[in-house]
Each structure stands twice: as C-alpha cells, then as structure tokens.
Amino acid sequence: MLTIISHFVFLFAALVLALILFIGLTKIQLI
C-alpha cells in the first residue's frame, strides 16, 4: 500500500514538472 502511494506521488510530481517545463518553453518561444 505504501509503495502504491509513493509511486502515485512520484508520477504526479513528474507530471507537474513536465507541465511547468512545457509552459516555460512555450513562454520562451512566445518572447
């Protein structure tokens, strides 16, 4: 059970990081 929660948290963190990176790249392209 603990491993499932930690895996889900890791997946969510990776998704948020990818989203921030994508937004940053699009903002750089817009400028």
N, C-alpha and C. Protein backbone atom coordinates (compact mmCIF):
# COMPACT_ATOMS: atom_id res chain seq x y z
N MET A 1 0.84 -1.21 0.00
CA MET A 1 0.00 0.00 0.00
C MET A 1 0.87 1.26 0.00
N LEU A 2 1.91 1.24 0.81
CA LEU A 2 2.77 2.42 0.89
C LEU A 2 3.49 2.65 -0.44
N THR A 3 3.91 1.57 -1.08
CA THR A 3 4.63 1.72 -2.35
C THR A 3 3.72 2.30 -3.43
N ILE A 4 2.44 1.92 -3.40
CA ILE A 4 1.49 2.44 -4.39
C ILE A 4 1.32 3.95 -4.22
N ILE A 5 1.22 4.39 -2.97
CA ILE A 5 1.04 5.83 -2.70
C ILE A 5 2.28 6.59 -3.14
N SER A 6 3.45 6.07 -2.80
CA SER A 6 4.70 6.76 -3.16
C SER A 6 4.86 6.81 -4.68
N HIS A 7 4.46 5.73 -5.36
CA HIS A 7 4.56 5.70 -6.82
C HIS A 7 3.62 6.73 -7.44
N PHE A 8 2.41 6.87 -6.86
CA PHE A 8 1.45 7.83 -7.37
C PHE A 8 1.95 9.26 -7.16
N VAL A 9 2.55 9.51 -6.00
CA VAL A 9 3.10 10.84 -5.71
C VAL A 9 4.23 11.16 -6.68
N PHE A 10 5.09 10.17 -6.95
CA PHE A 10 6.20 10.38 -7.89
C PHE A 10 5.68 10.68 -9.29
N LEU A 11 4.63 9.95 -9.70
CA LEU A 11 4.05 10.16 -11.02
C LEU A 11 3.44 11.56 -11.11
N PHE A 12 2.75 11.99 -10.04
CA PHE A 12 2.12 13.31 -10.03
C PHE A 12 3.18 14.40 -10.08
N ALA A 13 4.28 14.22 -9.35
CA ALA A 13 5.36 15.20 -9.34
C ALA A 13 5.99 15.31 -10.72
N ALA A 14 6.17 14.18 -11.39
CA ALA A 14 6.75 14.18 -12.73
C ALA A 14 5.83 14.90 -13.71
N LEU A 15 4.52 14.70 -13.55
CA LEU A 15 3.55 15.34 -14.43
C LEU A 15 3.58 16.86 -14.23
N VAL A 16 3.62 17.30 -12.98
CA VAL A 16 3.67 18.74 -12.69
C VAL A 16 4.95 19.34 -13.23
N LEU A 17 6.07 18.63 -13.07
CA LEU A 17 7.36 19.13 -13.56
C LEU A 17 7.32 19.27 -15.09
N ALA A 18 6.75 18.27 -15.77
CA ALA A 18 6.65 18.33 -17.23
C ALA A 18 5.77 19.48 -17.66
N LEU A 19 4.69 19.72 -16.92
CA LEU A 19 3.77 20.81 -17.26
C LEU A 19 4.47 22.16 -17.10
N ILE A 20 5.23 22.33 -16.02
CA ILE A 20 5.96 23.59 -15.79
C ILE A 20 7.01 23.79 -16.88
N LEU A 21 7.69 22.70 -17.25
CA LEU A 21 8.71 22.79 -18.29
C LEU A 21 8.08 23.18 -19.62
N PHE A 22 6.91 22.58 -19.93
CA PHE A 22 6.22 22.87 -21.18
C PHE A 22 5.77 24.32 -21.23
N ILE A 23 5.22 24.83 -20.13
CA ILE A 23 4.76 26.23 -20.07
C ILE A 23 5.96 27.16 -20.22
N GLY A 24 7.07 26.81 -19.58
CA GLY A 24 8.28 27.64 -19.68
C GLY A 24 8.79 27.70 -21.11
N LEU A 25 8.79 26.56 -21.80
CA LEU A 25 9.27 26.53 -23.18
C LEU A 25 8.36 27.34 -24.09
N THR A 26 7.05 27.24 -23.89
CA THR A 26 6.12 27.99 -24.74
C THR A 26 6.28 29.49 -24.49
N LYS A 27 6.52 29.87 -23.24
CA LYS A 27 6.70 31.30 -22.94
C LYS A 27 7.98 31.82 -23.59
N ILE A 28 9.03 30.99 -23.59
CA ILE A 28 10.29 31.40 -24.23
C ILE A 28 10.07 31.56 -25.73
N GLN A 29 9.29 30.65 -26.33
CA GLN A 29 9.04 30.73 -27.77
C GLN A 29 8.20 31.96 -28.11
N LEU A 30 7.28 32.33 -27.21
CA LEU A 30 6.42 33.48 -27.47
C LEU A 30 7.22 34.78 -27.46
N ILE A 31 8.25 34.83 -26.60
CA ILE A 31 9.01 36.07 -26.47
C ILE A 31 9.99 36.27 -27.62
